[in-house]
Amino acid sequence: MAKRVSGGGLWTAEYAQRLLERWEQSGQSLPVYARSLGVRAQRLYWWRHRLTATARATPARALLVPVSVRSDPWMTAGEG
């Protein structure tokens, strides 16, 4: 989903993620970084929240390992 920004441009989640990664590397506060981009800091806060929530909502993939169950021919009923 794209988000409209001033000037009529669109932000995708990928674009916002790249900007947030650059912000973290910049060492600047988020408001200062937003001003350098010419956008409101709230937009970056919104995307940070959205991307974090999306990452948390994505279930981790379970690793499934095939198994086989065999009976032990040396055990008799009632032992065990």
Protein backbone atom coordinates (compact mmCIF):
# COMPACT_ATOMS: atom_id res chain seq x y z
CA MET A 1 0.00 0.00 0.00
CA ALA A 2 1.33 3.43 -0.92
CA LYS A 3 0.96 6.57 1.20
CA ARG A 4 0.53 10.04 -0.36
CA VAL A 5 3.07 12.68 0.65
CA SER A 6 3.27 16.38 -0.01
CA GLY A 7 4.06 17.05 -3.63
CA GLY A 8 1.82 14.21 -4.80
CA GLY A 9 4.44 11.48 -4.50
CA LEU A 10 3.73 8.02 -3.14
CA TRP A 11 5.58 6.11 -0.45
CA THR A 12 5.64 2.36 -0.50
CA ALA A 13 6.51 0.28 2.54
CA GLU A 14 9.87 -0.49 0.92
CA TYR A 15 10.62 3.20 0.38
CA ALA A 16 9.66 4.06 3.95
CA GLN A 17 11.82 1.19 5.25
CA ARG A 18 14.84 2.53 3.33
CA LEU A 19 14.29 6.03 4.73
CA LEU A 20 13.97 4.69 8.27
CA GLU A 21 17.17 2.66 7.87
CA ARG A 22 18.98 5.79 6.61
CA TRP A 23 17.58 7.77 9.55
CA GLU A 24 18.92 5.20 12.04
CA GLN A 25 22.36 5.38 10.40
CA SER A 26 22.32 9.18 10.35
CA GLY A 27 22.47 9.60 14.12
CA GLN A 28 19.98 12.47 13.85
CA SER A 29 16.76 12.77 15.78
CA LEU A 30 13.75 11.73 13.76
CA PRO A 31 12.31 15.28 13.58
CA VAL A 32 15.62 16.69 12.32
CA TYR A 33 15.94 13.92 9.73
CA ALA A 34 12.33 14.46 8.61
CA ARG A 35 13.00 18.19 8.13
CA SER A 36 16.02 17.35 5.98
CA LEU A 37 13.67 15.33 3.75
CA GLY A 38 11.04 18.06 3.72
CA VAL A 39 8.39 15.88 5.36
CA ARG A 40 6.62 15.97 8.71
CA ALA A 41 8.15 13.81 11.42
CA GLN A 42 4.71 12.31 12.06
CA ARG A 43 4.88 10.57 8.66
CA LEU A 44 8.08 8.78 9.63
CA TYR A 45 6.68 7.92 13.06
CA TRP A 46 3.58 6.48 11.38
CA TRP A 47 5.61 4.35 8.98
CA ARG A 48 7.90 3.15 11.78
CA HIS A 49 4.86 2.07 13.78
CA ARG A 50 3.22 0.43 10.78
CA LEU A 51 6.32 -1.49 9.70
CA THR A 52 7.03 -2.63 13.26
CA ALA A 53 3.43 -3.81 13.72
CA THR A 54 3.57 -5.65 10.38
CA ALA A 55 6.80 -7.38 11.35
CA ARG A 56 5.29 -8.50 14.66
CA ALA A 57 2.10 -9.74 12.98
CA THR A 58 3.98 -11.90 10.49
CA PRO A 59 4.12 -15.41 11.94
CA ALA A 60 7.47 -17.11 12.08
CA ARG A 61 7.84 -20.14 9.87
CA ALA A 62 7.83 -23.37 11.79
CA LEU A 63 10.46 -25.93 10.97
CA LEU A 64 8.77 -29.26 10.49
CA VAL A 65 10.83 -32.42 10.56
CA PRO A 66 9.45 -35.73 9.29
CA VAL A 67 9.29 -38.50 11.88
CA SER A 68 8.18 -42.09 11.82
CA VAL A 69 6.83 -44.02 14.80
CA ARG A 70 7.38 -47.74 14.99
CA SER A 71 6.38 -50.19 17.64
CA ASP A 72 9.10 -52.03 19.51
CA PRO A 73 8.77 -55.73 18.67
CA TRP A 74 10.53 -56.65 21.94
CA MET A 75 7.91 -55.04 24.14
CA THR A 76 4.79 -57.00 24.98
CA ALA A 77 1.44 -55.60 26.00
CA GLY A 78 1.46 -54.28 29.55
CA GLU A 79 5.21 -53.54 29.70
CA GLY A 80 6.61 -50.19 29.37
